[in-house]
C-alpha atoms as a PDB file:
ATOM      1  CA  MET A   1     -15.618   6.745  -5.671  1.00  0.00           C
ATOM      2  CA  PRO A   2     -13.837   3.744  -4.143  1.00  0.00           C
ATOM      3  CA  THR A   3     -11.965   1.436  -6.492  1.00  0.00           C
ATOM      4  CA  ARG A   4     -11.491  -2.219  -5.677  1.00  0.00           C
ATOM      5  CA  TYR A   5      -8.386  -4.192  -6.651  1.00  0.00           C
ATOM      6  CA  THR A   6      -7.396  -7.794  -6.087  1.00  0.00           C
ATOM      7  CA  VAL A   7      -3.836  -7.930  -4.767  1.00  0.00           C
ATOM      8  CA  THR A   8      -1.354 -10.763  -4.397  1.00  0.00           C
ATOM      9  CA  VAL A   9       0.473 -11.832  -1.259  1.00  0.00           C
ATOM     10  CA  THR A  10       3.865 -13.291  -2.137  1.00  0.00           C
ATOM     11  CA  SER A  11       7.115 -13.872  -0.298  1.00  0.00           C
ATOM     12  CA  VAL A  12      10.744 -12.857  -0.538  1.00  0.00           C
ATOM     13  CA  GLY A  13      12.974 -14.745   1.859  1.00  0.00           C
ATOM     14  CA  SER A  14      11.172 -14.905   5.186  1.00  0.00           C
ATOM     15  CA  SER A  15       8.996 -11.819   4.516  1.00  0.00           C
ATOM     16  CA  SER A  16       5.466 -11.655   3.100  1.00  0.00           C
ATOM     17  CA  ILE A  17       4.747  -8.926   0.570  1.00  0.00           C
ATOM     18  CA  ILE A  18       1.492  -7.403  -0.686  1.00  0.00           C
ATOM     19  CA  VAL A  19       1.858  -6.353  -4.325  1.00  0.00           C
ATOM     20  CA  LEU A  20       0.112  -3.018  -4.985  1.00  0.00           C
ATOM     21  CA  PRO A  21      -1.341  -2.231  -8.421  1.00  0.00           C
ATOM     22  CA  LYS A  22       0.611   0.364 -10.440  1.00  0.00           C
ATOM     23  CA  PRO A  23      -2.299   2.872 -10.499  1.00  0.00           C
ATOM     24  CA  VAL A  24      -2.270   2.875  -6.677  1.00  0.00           C
ATOM     25  CA  VAL A  25       1.517   3.344  -6.510  1.00  0.00           C
ATOM     26  CA  ASP A  26       1.421   6.147  -9.092  1.00  0.00           C
ATOM     27  CA  GLY A  27      -1.688   7.822  -7.668  1.00  0.00           C
ATOM     28  CA  PHE A  28      -0.168   8.097  -4.206  1.00  0.00           C
ATOM     29  CA  ASN A  29       3.326   8.936  -5.480  1.00  0.00           C
ATOM     30  CA  LEU A  30       4.843   5.925  -3.693  1.00  0.00           C
ATOM     31  CA  LYS A  31       8.499   5.143  -4.265  1.00  0.00           C
ATOM     32  CA  LYS A  32      10.683   2.130  -3.501  1.00  0.00           C
ATOM     33  CA  GLY A  33      11.731   2.324   0.151  1.00  0.00           C
ATOM     34  CA  ASP A  34       8.708   4.364   1.310  1.00  0.00           C
ATOM     35  CA  ARG A  35       7.364   3.185   4.653  1.00  0.00           C
ATOM     36  CA  LEU A  36       3.600   2.961   5.211  1.00  0.00           C
ATOM     37  CA  GLU A  37       1.779   2.720   8.518  1.00  0.00           C
ATOM     38  CA  MET A  38      -1.115   0.288   8.691  1.00  0.00           C
ATOM     39  CA  THR A  39      -3.804  -0.481  11.229  1.00  0.00           C
ATOM     40  CA  VAL A  40      -5.003  -4.061  11.588  1.00  0.00           C
ATOM     41  CA  THR A  41      -8.419  -4.776  13.154  1.00  0.00           C
ATOM     42  CA  ASP A  42     -10.722  -7.778  13.326  1.00  0.00           C
ATOM     43  CA  ILE A  43     -12.419  -6.634  10.126  1.00  0.00           C
ATOM     44  CA  GLY A  44      -9.441  -5.709   7.958  1.00  0.00           C
ATOM     45  CA  ILE A  45      -6.283  -3.782   7.192  1.00  0.00           C
ATOM     46  CA  HIS A  46      -6.284   0.014   6.764  1.00  0.00           C
ATOM     47  CA  ILE A  47      -3.382   1.951   5.220  1.00  0.00           C
ATOM     48  CA  PRO A  48      -4.172   5.680   5.369  1.00  0.00           C
ATOM     49  CA  LEU A  49      -2.575   7.689   2.552  1.00  0.00           C
ATOM     50  CA  GLU A  50      -3.074  11.160   1.143  1.00  0.00           C
ATOM     51  CA  GLU A  51      -3.198  11.369  -2.634  1.00  0.00           C
ATOM     52  CA  ASN A  52      -0.025  12.802  -4.214  1.00  0.00           C
ATOM     53  CA  LYS A  53       1.497  13.784  -0.845  1.00  0.00           C
ATOM     54  CA  GLU A  54       4.934  15.207  -1.666  1.00  0.00           C
ATOM     55  CA  ASP A  55       6.458  15.589   1.805  1.00  0.00           C
ATOM     56  CA  ARG A  56       6.105  11.953   2.948  1.00  0.00           C
ATOM     57  CA  LYS A  57       9.477  10.408   3.784  1.00  0.00           C
END
């Protein structure tokens, strides 16, 4: 079942940052420095992830 979160866009220096909720970070085993690919379309942003993927670098 999809879960909806409200996220915050903030900035550090000249970069914009989307803050992910801790349950999302933990559920997808994301770590500081991980790189995510995203697709941007006219209707939104999509970041495909596989739950608990261990071999992502």
